[in-house]
Amino acid sequence: MPLKPEERDGLLKIRQLKKTYWALFVSIPLLLIAAQVLVQVTGQWAWIASILVPFVWGVTVQQKLIRYRCPRCGEPFFYPAPVPSHATSIPSQKRCQHCGLSEDQLQF
């Protein structure tokens, strides 16, 4: 069954947010290492603040994903992980847990 335009747009948005989430997830530790090196070289602790922007951005993207609704059924797309209570299945989940709408249905 072909996707409706709003379902396709919703899945594309989910995919875009997940890519951003992963890019930030990988970049934050690298930025922390770079900031530590810069602090050692320059003696200026202000470099540590440079990781605050991507960290806050990452938390914001994660919160958007946690609250994202399925474009088909309107239920939360990502189910909460059992432990800890603030975690979700964002990294691995590709399918709505309620109606089964999947990112794999996107065709280009």
PDB file of N, CA and C in Angstrom:
ATOM      1  N   MET A   1       0.844  -1.171   0.000  1.00  0.00           N
ATOM      2  CA  MET A   1       0.000   0.000   0.000  1.00  0.00           C
ATOM      3  C   MET A   1       0.895   1.241   0.000  1.00  0.00           C
ATOM      4  N   PRO A   2       0.695   2.130  -0.972  1.00  0.00           N
ATOM      5  CA  PRO A   2       1.535   3.332  -1.021  1.00  0.00           C
ATOM      6  C   PRO A   2       1.253   4.267   0.152  1.00  0.00           C
ATOM      7  N   LEU A   3       2.276   5.010   0.508  1.00  0.00           N
ATOM      8  CA  LEU A   3       2.150   5.958   1.609  1.00  0.00           C
ATOM      9  C   LEU A   3       1.389   7.195   1.164  1.00  0.00           C
ATOM     10  N   LYS A   4       0.599   7.733   2.070  1.00  0.00           N
ATOM     11  CA  LYS A   4      -0.042   9.023   1.834  1.00  0.00           C
ATOM     12  C   LYS A   4       1.031  10.097   1.979  1.00  0.00           C
ATOM     13  N   PRO A   5       0.841  11.261   1.354  1.00  0.00           N
ATOM     14  CA  PRO A   5       1.864  12.318   1.445  1.00  0.00           C
ATOM     15  C   PRO A   5       2.203  12.714   2.882  1.00  0.00           C
ATOM     16  N   GLU A   6       1.198  12.785   3.761  1.00  0.00           N
ATOM     17  CA  GLU A   6       1.486  13.179   5.150  1.00  0.00           C
ATOM     18  C   GLU A   6       2.252  12.083   5.898  1.00  0.00           C
ATOM     19  N   GLU A   7       2.029  10.812   5.537  1.00  0.00           N
ATOM     20  CA  GLU A   7       2.789   9.720   6.153  1.00  0.00           C
ATOM     21  C   GLU A   7       4.244   9.772   5.699  1.00  0.00           C
ATOM     22  N   ARG A   8       4.427  10.005   4.399  1.00  0.00           N
ATOM     23  CA  ARG A   8       5.788  10.103   3.852  1.00  0.00           C
ATOM     24  C   ARG A   8       6.533  11.278   4.493  1.00  0.00           C
ATOM     25  N   ASP A   9       5.878  12.433   4.576  1.00  0.00           N
ATOM     26  CA  ASP A   9       6.509  13.607   5.191  1.00  0.00           C
ATOM     27  C   ASP A   9       6.860  13.347   6.648  1.00  0.00           C
ATOM     28  N   GLY A  10       5.954  12.678   7.379  1.00  0.00           N
ATOM     29  CA  GLY A  10       6.211  12.349   8.783  1.00  0.00           C
ATOM     30  C   GLY A  10       7.383  11.415   8.951  1.00  0.00           C
ATOM     31  N   LEU A  11       7.459  10.388   8.091  1.00  0.00           N
ATOM     32  CA  LEU A  11       8.581   9.448   8.163  1.00  0.00           C
ATOM     33  C   LEU A  11       9.897  10.124   7.776  1.00  0.00           C
ATOM     34  N   LEU A  12       9.847  11.013   6.795  1.00  0.00           N
ATOM     35  CA  LEU A  12      11.059  11.761   6.428  1.00  0.00           C
ATOM     36  C   LEU A  12      11.533  12.635   7.579  1.00  0.00           C
ATOM     37  N   LYS A  13      10.603  13.238   8.297  1.00  0.00           N
ATOM     38  CA  LYS A  13      10.953  14.067   9.452  1.00  0.00           C
ATOM     39  C   LYS A  13      11.590  13.207  10.547  1.00  0.00           C
ATOM     40  N   ILE A  14      11.020  12.033  10.796  1.00  0.00           N
ATOM     41  CA  ILE A  14      11.599  11.113  11.779  1.00  0.00           C
ATOM     42  C   ILE A  14      13.018  10.740  11.378  1.00  0.00           C
ATOM     43  N   ARG A  15      13.200  10.394  10.109  1.00  0.00           N
ATOM     44  CA  ARG A  15      14.534  10.004   9.629  1.00  0.00           C
ATOM     45  C   ARG A  15      15.524  11.157   9.787  1.00  0.00           C
ATOM     46  N   GLN A  16      15.085  12.380   9.446  1.00  0.00           N
ATOM     47  CA  GLN A  16      15.955  13.551   9.573  1.00  0.00           C
ATOM     48  C   GLN A  16      16.340  13.796  11.033  1.00  0.00           C
ATOM     49  N   LEU A  17      15.365  13.713  11.934  1.00  0.00           N
ATOM     50  CA  LEU A  17      15.655  13.919  13.354  1.00  0.00           C
ATOM     51  C   LEU A  17      16.584  12.831  13.891  1.00  0.00           C
ATOM     52  N   LYS A  18      16.398  11.589  13.455  1.00  0.00           N
ATOM     53  CA  LYS A  18      17.277  10.507  13.916  1.00  0.00           C
ATOM     54  C   LYS A  18      18.704  10.700  13.428  1.00  0.00           C
ATOM     55  N   LYS A  19      18.873  11.159  12.197  1.00  0.00           N
ATOM     56  CA  LYS A  19      20.224  11.421  11.679  1.00  0.00           C
ATOM     57  C   LYS A  19      20.894  12.541  12.476  1.00  0.00           C
ATOM     58  N   THR A  20      20.134  13.582  12.777  1.00  0.00           N
ATOM     59  CA  THR A  20      20.664  14.679  13.582  1.00  0.00           C
ATOM     60  C   THR A  20      21.040  14.178  14.972  1.00  0.00           C
ATOM     61  N   TYR A  21      20.165  13.365  15.553  1.00  0.00           N
ATOM     62  CA  TYR A  21      20.407  12.786  16.881  1.00  0.00           C
ATOM     63  C   TYR A  21      21.729  12.013  16.886  1.00  0.00           C
ATOM     64  N   TRP A  22      21.929  11.156  15.897  1.00  0.00           N
ATOM     65  CA  TRP A  22      23.152  10.357  15.854  1.00  0.00           C
ATOM     66  C   TRP A  22      24.390  11.212  15.585  1.00  0.00           C
ATOM     67  N   ALA A  23      24.272  12.204  14.716  1.00  0.00           N
ATOM     68  CA  ALA A  23      25.414  13.086  14.441  1.00  0.00           C
ATOM     69  C   ALA A  23      25.848  13.804  15.713  1.00  0.00           C
ATOM     70  N   LEU A  24      24.876  14.283  16.469  1.00  0.00           N
ATOM     71  CA  LEU A  24      25.202  14.960  17.729  1.00  0.00           C
ATOM     72  C   LEU A  24      25.723  13.972  18.765  1.00  0.00           C
ATOM     73  N   PHE A  25      25.156  12.785  18.801  1.00  0.00           N
ATOM     74  CA  PHE A  25      25.589  11.753  19.753  1.00  0.00           C
ATOM     75  C   PHE A  25      27.063  11.427  19.551  1.00  0.00           C
ATOM     76  N   VAL A  26      27.496  11.374  18.299  1.00  0.00           N
ATOM     77  CA  VAL A  26      28.891  11.062  17.987  1.00  0.00           C
ATOM     78  C   VAL A  26      29.784  12.292  18.172  1.00  0.00           C
ATOM     79  N   SER A  27      29.270  13.476  17.817  1.00  0.00           N
ATOM     80  CA  SER A  27      30.122  14.660  17.837  1.00  0.00           C
ATOM     81  C   SER A  27      30.391  15.201  19.239  1.00  0.00           C
ATOM     82  N   ILE A  28      29.493  15.022  20.169  1.00  0.00           N
ATOM     83  CA  ILE A  28      29.678  15.596  21.510  1.00  0.00           C
ATOM     84  C   ILE A  28      30.930  15.052  22.204  1.00  0.00           C
ATOM     85  N   PRO A  29      31.166  13.740  22.218  1.00  0.00           N
ATOM     86  CA  PRO A  29      32.423  13.276  22.834  1.00  0.00           C
ATOM     87  C   PRO A  29      33.666  13.801  22.109  1.00  0.00           C
ATOM     88  N   LEU A  30      33.599  13.899  20.785  1.00  0.00           N
ATOM     89  CA  LEU A  30      34.739  14.425  20.034  1.00  0.00           C
ATOM     90  C   LEU A  30      34.978  15.899  20.365  1.00  0.00           C
ATOM     91  N   LEU A  31      33.901  16.657  20.488  1.00  0.00           N
ATOM     92  CA  LEU A  31      34.032  18.062  20.872  1.00  0.00           C
ATOM     93  C   LEU A  31      34.571  18.202  22.295  1.00  0.00           C
ATOM     94  N   LEU A  32      34.176  17.310  23.173  1.00  0.00           N
ATOM     95  CA  LEU A  32      34.687  17.345  24.542  1.00  0.00           C
ATOM     96  C   LEU A  32      36.197  17.112  24.566  1.00  0.00           C
ATOM     97  N   ILE A  33      36.648  16.153  23.786  1.00  0.00           N
ATOM     98  CA  ILE A  33      38.092  15.889  23.699  1.00  0.00           C
ATOM     99  C   ILE A  33      38.818  17.105  23.139  1.00  0.00           C
ATOM    100  N   ALA A  34      38.266  17.682  22.070  1.00  0.00           N
ATOM    101  CA  ALA A  34      38.896  18.877  21.476  1.00  0.00           C
ATOM    102  C   ALA A  34      38.917  20.038  22.468  1.00  0.00           C
ATOM    103  N   ALA A  35      37.836  20.210  23.211  1.00  0.00           N
ATOM    104  CA  ALA A  35      37.778  21.292  24.200  1.00  0.00           C
ATOM    105  C   ALA A  35      38.811  21.069  25.303  1.00  0.00           C
ATOM    106  N   GLN A  36      38.981  19.811  25.735  1.00  0.00           N
ATOM    107  CA  GLN A  36      39.974  19.524  26.772  1.00  0.00           C
ATOM    108  C   GLN A  36      41.388  19.834  26.285  1.00  0.00           C
ATOM    109  N   VAL A  37      41.667  19.494  25.040  1.00  0.00           N
ATOM    110  CA  VAL A  37      42.981  19.795  24.474  1.00  0.00           C
ATOM    111  C   VAL A  37      43.187  21.306  24.406  1.00  0.00           C
ATOM    112  N   LEU A  38      42.162  22.028  23.958  1.00  0.00           N
ATOM    113  CA  LEU A  38      42.270  23.487  23.882  1.00  0.00           C
ATOM    114  C   LEU A  38      42.438  24.122  25.258  1.00  0.00           C
ATOM    115  N   VAL A  39      41.799  23.569  26.259  1.00  0.00           N
ATOM    116  CA  VAL A  39      41.970  24.086  27.626  1.00  0.00           C
ATOM    117  C   VAL A  39      43.411  23.875  28.074  1.00  0.00           C
ATOM    118  N   GLN A  40      43.967  22.708  27.784  1.00  0.00           N
ATOM    119  CA  GLN A  40      45.347  22.424  28.185  1.00  0.00           C
ATOM    120  C   GLN A  40      46.339  23.330  27.445  1.00  0.00           C
ATOM    121  N   VAL A  41      46.081  23.571  26.166  1.00  0.00           N
ATOM    122  CA  VAL A  41      46.995  24.382  25.362  1.00  0.00           C
ATOM    123  C   VAL A  41      46.890  25.860  25.722  1.00  0.00           C
ATOM    124  N   THR A  42      45.668  26.370  25.848  1.00  0.00           N
ATOM    125  CA  THR A  42      45.475  27.812  26.053  1.00  0.00           C
ATOM    126  C   THR A  42      45.295  28.199  27.512  1.00  0.00           C
ATOM    127  N   GLY A  43      44.891  27.266  28.333  1.00  0.00           N
ATOM    128  CA  GLY A  43      44.615  27.586  29.729  1.00  0.00           C
ATOM    129  C   GLY A  43      43.266  28.272  29.925  1.00  0.00           C
ATOM    130  N   GLN A  44      42.503  28.417  28.877  1.00  0.00           N
ATOM    131  CA  GLN A  44      41.198  29.079  28.941  1.00  0.00           C
ATOM    132  C   GLN A  44      40.093  28.028  29.087  1.00  0.00           C
ATOM    133  N   TRP A  45      39.394  28.075  30.218  1.00  0.00           N
ATOM    134  CA  TRP A  45      38.325  27.116  30.481  1.00  0.00           C
ATOM    135  C   TRP A  45      37.064  27.388  29.677  1.00  0.00           C
ATOM    136  N   ALA A  46      37.018  28.521  29.021  1.00  0.00           N
ATOM    137  CA  ALA A  46      35.836  28.869  28.216  1.00  0.00           C
ATOM    138  C   ALA A  46      35.603  27.871  27.077  1.00  0.00           C
ATOM    139  N   TRP A  47      36.631  27.144  26.682  1.00  0.00           N
ATOM    140  CA  TRP A  47      36.472  26.159  25.606  1.00  0.00           C
ATOM    141  C   TRP A  47      35.489  25.051  25.993  1.00  0.00           C
ATOM    142  N   ILE A  48      35.396  24.758  27.269  1.00  0.00           N
ATOM    143  CA  ILE A  48      34.455  23.716  27.711  1.00  0.00           C
ATOM    144  C   ILE A  48      33.014  24.118  27.368  1.00  0.00           C
ATOM    145  N   ALA A  49      32.761  25.426  27.401  1.00  0.00           N
ATOM    146  CA  ALA A  49      31.414  25.909  27.070  1.00  0.00           C
ATOM    147  C   ALA A  49      31.051  25.616  25.619  1.00  0.00           C
ATOM    148  N   SER A  50      32.035  25.360  24.767  1.00  0.00           N
ATOM    149  CA  SER A  50      31.754  25.107  23.353  1.00  0.00           C
ATOM    150  C   SER A  50      30.940  23.832  23.133  1.00  0.00           C
ATOM    151  N   ILE A  51      30.943  22.932  24.106  1.00  0.00           N
ATOM    152  CA  ILE A  51      30.134  21.714  23.928  1.00  0.00           C
ATOM    153  C   ILE A  51      28.700  21.906  24.410  1.00  0.00           C
ATOM    154  N   LEU A  52      28.412  23.026  25.049  1.00  0.00           N
ATOM    155  CA  LEU A  52      27.050  23.239  25.551  1.00  0.00           C
ATOM    156  C   LEU A  52      26.024  23.350  24.434  1.00  0.00           C
ATOM    157  N   VAL A  53      26.360  24.046  23.364  1.00  0.00           N
ATOM    158  CA  VAL A  53      25.401  24.223  22.271  1.00  0.00           C
ATOM    159  C   VAL A  53      25.023  22.882  21.643  1.00  0.00           C
ATOM    160  N   PRO A  54      25.981  22.046  21.217  1.00  0.00           N
ATOM    161  CA  PRO A  54      25.568  20.759  20.647  1.00  0.00           C
ATOM    162  C   PRO A  54      24.882  19.858  21.672  1.00  0.00           C
ATOM    163  N   PHE A  55      25.264  19.957  22.934  1.00  0.00           N
ATOM    164  CA  PHE A  55      24.618  19.138  23.964  1.00  0.00           C
ATOM    165  C   PHE A  55      23.150  19.524  24.111  1.00  0.00           C
ATOM    166  N   VAL A  56      22.886  20.823  24.215  1.00  0.00           N
ATOM    167  CA  VAL A  56      21.502  21.299  24.346  1.00  0.00           C
ATOM    168  C   VAL A  56      20.711  20.960  23.085  1.00  0.00           C
ATOM    169  N   TRP A  57      21.346  21.109  21.927  1.00  0.00           N
ATOM    170  CA  TRP A  57      20.698  20.760  20.664  1.00  0.00           C
ATOM    171  C   TRP A  57      20.347  19.267  20.651  1.00  0.00           C
ATOM    172  N   GLY A  58      21.266  18.426  21.105  1.00  0.00           N
ATOM    173  CA  GLY A  58      21.012  16.983  21.155  1.00  0.00           C
ATOM    174  C   GLY A  58      19.854  16.630  22.076  1.00  0.00           C
ATOM    175  N   VAL A  59      19.799  17.263  23.234  1.00  0.00           N
ATOM    176  CA  VAL A  59      18.701  17.010  24.169  1.00  0.00           C
ATOM    177  C   VAL A  59      17.377  17.460  23.550  1.00  0.00           C
ATOM    178  N   THR A  60      17.399  18.589  22.856  1.00  0.00           N
ATOM    179  CA  THR A  60      16.195  19.093  22.207  1.00  0.00           C
ATOM    180  C   THR A  60      15.707  18.130  21.124  1.00  0.00           C
ATOM    181  N   VAL A  61      16.624  17.639  20.305  1.00  0.00           N
ATOM    182  CA  VAL A  61      16.255  16.677  19.253  1.00  0.00           C
ATOM    183  C   VAL A  61      15.713  15.405  19.882  1.00  0.00           C
ATOM    184  N   GLN A  62      16.361  14.929  20.943  1.00  0.00           N
ATOM    185  CA  GLN A  62      15.885  13.723  21.613  1.00  0.00           C
ATOM    186  C   GLN A  62      14.466  13.921  22.145  1.00  0.00           C
ATOM    187  N   GLN A  63      14.196  15.069  22.746  1.00  0.00           N
ATOM    188  CA  GLN A  63      12.861  15.329  23.272  1.00  0.00           C
ATOM    189  C   GLN A  63      11.817  15.409  22.160  1.00  0.00           C
ATOM    190  N   LYS A  64      12.187  15.989  21.020  1.00  0.00           N
ATOM    191  CA  LYS A  64      11.271  16.022  19.876  1.00  0.00           C
ATOM    192  C   LYS A  64      10.948  14.612  19.412  1.00  0.00           C
ATOM    193  N   LEU A  65      11.974  13.763  19.337  1.00  0.00           N
ATOM    194  CA  LEU A  65      11.749  12.387  18.905  1.00  0.00           C
ATOM    195  C   LEU A  65      10.885  11.615  19.894  1.00  0.00           C
ATOM    196  N   ILE A  66      11.134  11.810  21.180  1.00  0.00           N
ATOM    197  CA  ILE A  66      10.354  11.104  22.195  1.00  0.00           C
ATOM    198  C   ILE A  66       8.874  11.457  22.066  1.00  0.00           C
ATOM    199  N   ARG A  67       8.596  12.701  21.750  1.00  0.00           N
ATOM    200  CA  ARG A  67       7.209  13.170  21.668  1.00  0.00           C
ATOM    201  C   ARG A  67       6.595  13.030  20.276  1.00  0.00           C
ATOM    202  N   TYR A  68       7.375  12.566  19.301  1.00  0.00           N
ATOM    203  CA  TYR A  68       6.895  12.507  17.929  1.00  0.00           C
ATOM    204  C   TYR A  68       5.760  11.502  17.785  1.00  0.00           C
ATOM    205  N   ARG A  69       4.719  11.934  17.118  1.00  0.00           N
ATOM    206  CA  ARG A  69       3.544  11.090  16.902  1.00  0.00           C
ATOM    207  C   ARG A  69       3.614  10.436  15.527  1.00  0.00           C
ATOM    208  N   CYS A  70       3.097   9.246  15.447  1.00  0.00           N
ATOM    209  CA  CYS A  70       3.047   8.522  14.186  1.00  0.00           C
ATOM    210  C   CYS A  70       2.148   9.296  13.214  1.00  0.00           C
ATOM    211  N   PRO A  71       2.611   9.503  11.980  1.00  0.00           N
ATOM    212  CA  PRO A  71       1.789  10.236  11.023  1.00  0.00           C
ATOM    213  C   PRO A  71       0.546   9.464  10.578  1.00  0.00           C
ATOM    214  N   ARG A  72       0.497   8.180  10.832  1.00  0.00           N
ATOM    215  CA  ARG A  72      -0.669   7.382  10.434  1.00  0.00           C
ATOM    216  C   ARG A  72      -1.705   7.281  11.552  1.00  0.00           C
ATOM    217  N   CYS A  73      -1.285   6.835  12.737  1.00  0.00           N
ATOM    218  CA  CYS A  73      -2.260   6.545  13.798  1.00  0.00           C
ATOM    219  C   CYS A  73      -2.325   7.623  14.879  1.00  0.00           C
ATOM    220  N   GLY A  74      -1.315   8.507  14.935  1.00  0.00           N
ATOM    221  CA  GLY A  74      -1.325   9.581  15.919  1.00  0.00           C
ATOM    222  C   GLY A  74      -0.823   9.181  17.295  1.00  0.00           C
ATOM    223  N   GLU A  75      -0.457   7.933  17.488  1.00  0.00           N
ATOM    224  CA  GLU A  75       0.111   7.474  18.758  1.00  0.00           C
ATOM    225  C   GLU A  75       1.609   7.770  18.762  1.00  0.00           C
ATOM    226  N   PRO A  76       2.254   7.741  19.945  1.00  0.00           N
ATOM    227  CA  PRO A  76       3.709   7.952  19.985  1.00  0.00           C
ATOM    228  C   PRO A  76       4.428   6.927  19.099  1.00  0.00           C
ATOM    229  N   PHE A  77       5.328   7.419  18.245  1.00  0.00           N
ATOM    230  CA  PHE A  77       6.046   6.531  17.326  1.00  0.00           C
ATOM    231  C   PHE A  77       7.045   5.664  18.082  1.00  0.00           C
ATOM    232  N   PHE A  78       7.751   6.262  19.030  1.00  0.00           N
ATOM    233  CA  PHE A  78       8.774   5.549  19.796  1.00  0.00           C
ATOM    234  C   PHE A  78       8.203   5.117  21.132  1.00  0.00           C
ATOM    235  N   TYR A  79       8.418   3.878  21.494  1.00  0.00           N
ATOM    236  CA  TYR A  79       7.950   3.390  22.787  1.00  0.00           C
ATOM    237  C   TYR A  79       9.031   3.620  23.825  1.00  0.00           C
ATOM    238  N   PRO A  80       8.636   3.868  25.072  1.00  0.00           N
ATOM    239  CA  PRO A  80       9.647   4.074  26.111  1.00  0.00           C
ATOM    240  C   PRO A  80      10.354   2.769  26.465  1.00  0.00           C
ATOM    241  N   ALA A  81      11.644   2.872  26.695  1.00  0.00           N
ATOM    242  CA  ALA A  81      12.409   1.710  27.144  1.00  0.00           C
ATOM    243  C   ALA A  81      12.065   1.420  28.600  1.00  0.00           C
ATOM    244  N   PRO A  82      12.139   0.167  29.018  1.00  0.00           N
ATOM    245  CA  PRO A  82      11.745  -0.165  30.387  1.00  0.00           C
ATOM    246  C   PRO A  82      12.592   0.496  31.465  1.00  0.00           C
ATOM    247  N   VAL A  83      13.914   0.588  31.271  1.00  0.00           N
ATOM    248  CA  VAL A  83      14.786   1.192  32.279  1.00  0.00           C
ATOM    249  C   VAL A  83      15.895   1.913  31.544  1.00  0.00           C
ATOM    250  N   PRO A  84      16.295   3.081  31.878  1.00  0.00           N
ATOM    251  CA  PRO A  84      15.670   3.974  32.845  1.00  0.00           C
ATOM    252  C   PRO A  84      14.418   4.609  32.247  1.00  0.00           C
ATOM    253  N   SER A  85      13.632   5.232  33.076  1.00  0.00           N
ATOM    254  CA  SER A  85      12.326   5.712  32.646  1.00  0.00           C
ATOM    255  C   SER A  85      12.406   6.842  31.619  1.00  0.00           C
ATOM    256  N   HIS A  86      13.512   7.564  31.530  1.00  0.00           N
ATOM    257  CA  HIS A  86      13.615   8.666  30.573  1.00  0.00           C
ATOM    258  C   HIS A  86      14.140   8.214  29.211  1.00  0.00           C
ATOM    259  N   ALA A  87      14.529   6.955  29.082  1.00  0.00           N
ATOM    260  CA  ALA A  87      15.090   6.451  27.836  1.00  0.00           C
ATOM    261  C   ALA A  87      13.982   6.005  26.882  1.00  0.00           C
ATOM    262  N   THR A  88      14.325   5.960  25.609  1.00  0.00           N
ATOM    263  CA  THR A  88      13.392   5.461  24.603  1.00  0.00           C
ATOM    264  C   THR A  88      14.138   4.542  23.657  1.00  0.00           C
ATOM    265  N   SER A  89      13.421   4.064  22.688  1.00  0.00           N
ATOM    266  CA  SER A  89      13.982   3.147  21.706  1.00  0.00           C
ATOM    267  C   SER A  89      14.463   3.883  20.458  1.00  0.00           C
ATOM    268  N   ILE A  90      14.763   5.151  20.565  1.00  0.00           N
ATOM    269  CA  ILE A  90      15.089   5.976  19.400  1.00  0.00           C
ATOM    270  C   ILE A  90      16.173   5.365  18.507  1.00  0.00           C
ATOM    271  N   PRO A  91      17.308   4.936  19.037  1.00  0.00           N
ATOM    272  CA  PRO A  91      18.377   4.523  18.140  1.00  0.00           C
ATOM    273  C   PRO A  91      18.028   3.381  17.187  1.00  0.00           C
ATOM    274  N   SER A  92      17.269   2.408  17.635  1.00  0.00           N
ATOM    275  CA  SER A  92      17.062   1.232  16.809  1.00  0.00           C
ATOM    276  C   SER A  92      15.684   1.110  16.177  1.00  0.00           C
ATOM    277  N   GLN A  93      14.718   1.778  16.685  1.00  0.00           N
ATOM    278  CA  GLN A  93      13.351   1.566  16.228  1.00  0.00           C
ATOM    279  C   GLN A  93      13.081   2.229  14.885  1.00  0.00           C
ATOM    280  N   LYS A  94      12.467   1.464  13.986  1.00  0.00           N
ATOM    281  CA  LYS A  94      12.122   1.976  12.666  1.00  0.00           C
ATOM    282  C   LYS A  94      10.631   1.862  12.391  1.00  0.00           C
ATOM    283  N   ARG A  95       9.893   1.294  13.306  1.00  0.00           N
ATOM    284  CA  ARG A  95       8.486   0.987  13.071  1.00  0.00           C
ATOM    285  C   ARG A  95       7.635   1.489  14.226  1.00  0.00           C
ATOM    286  N   CYS A  96       6.463   2.058  13.881  1.00  0.00           N
ATOM    287  CA  CYS A  96       5.516   2.477  14.911  1.00  0.00           C
ATOM    288  C   CYS A  96       5.040   1.236  15.661  1.00  0.00           C
ATOM    289  N   GLN A  97       5.030   1.317  16.964  1.00  0.00           N
ATOM    290  CA  GLN A  97       4.639   0.166  17.777  1.00  0.00           C
ATOM    291  C   GLN A  97       3.135  -0.055  17.797  1.00  0.00           C
ATOM    292  N   HIS A  98       2.377   0.900  17.274  1.00  0.00           N
ATOM    293  CA  HIS A  98       0.921   0.781  17.310  1.00  0.00           C
ATOM    294  C   HIS A  98       0.352   0.293  15.985  1.00  0.00           C
ATOM    295  N   CYS A  99       0.744   0.942  14.876  1.00  0.00           N
ATOM    296  CA  CYS A  99       0.143   0.588  13.584  1.00  0.00           C
ATOM    297  C   CYS A  99       1.110  -0.102  12.633  1.00  0.00           C
ATOM    298  N   GLY A 100       2.405  -0.106  12.959  1.00  0.00           N
ATOM    299  CA  GLY A 100       3.385  -0.791  12.124  1.00  0.00           C
ATOM    300  C   GLY A 100       3.962   0.038  10.987  1.00  0.00           C
ATOM    301  N   LEU A 101       3.606   1.319  10.888  1.00  0.00           N
ATOM    302  CA  LEU A 101       4.189   2.177   9.852  1.00  0.00           C
ATOM    303  C   LEU A 101       5.709   2.164  10.017  1.00  0.00           C
ATOM    304  N   SER A 102       6.425   1.919   8.913  1.00  0.00           N
ATOM    305  CA  SER A 102       7.860   1.719   8.999  1.00  0.00           C
ATOM    306  C   SER A 102       8.629   2.680   8.105  1.00  0.00           C
ATOM    307  N   GLU A 103       9.810   3.071   8.586  1.00  0.00           N
ATOM    308  CA  GLU A 103      10.714   3.877   7.768  1.00  0.00           C
ATOM    309  C   GLU A 103      11.120   3.120   6.518  1.00  0.00           C
ATOM    310  N   ASP A 104      11.108   1.821   6.583  1.00  0.00           N
ATOM    311  CA  ASP A 104      11.494   1.001   5.426  1.00  0.00           C
ATOM    312  C   ASP A 104      10.511   1.150   4.267  1.00  0.00           C
ATOM    313  N   GLN A 105       9.327   1.704   4.534  1.00  0.00           N
ATOM    314  CA  GLN A 105       8.348   1.900   3.468  1.00  0.00           C
ATOM    315  C   GLN A 105       8.656   3.112   2.600  1.00  0.00           C
ATOM    316  N   LEU A 106       9.607   3.927   3.038  1.00  0.00           N
ATOM    317  CA  LEU A 106      10.012   5.081   2.229  1.00  0.00           C
ATOM    318  C   LEU A 106      10.732   4.593   0.993  1.00  0.00           C
ATOM    319  N   GLN A 107      10.296   5.059  -0.158  1.00  0.00           N
ATOM    320  CA  GLN A 107      10.940   4.705  -1.417  1.00  0.00           C
ATOM    321  C   GLN A 107      11.338   5.976  -2.118  1.00  0.00           C
ATOM    322  N   PHE A 108      12.555   5.953  -2.668  1.00  0.00           N
ATOM    323  CA  PHE A 108      13.043   7.160  -3.346  1.00  0.00           C
ATOM    324  C   PHE A 108      13.191   6.902  -4.812  1.00  0.00           C
TER     325      PHE A 108
END
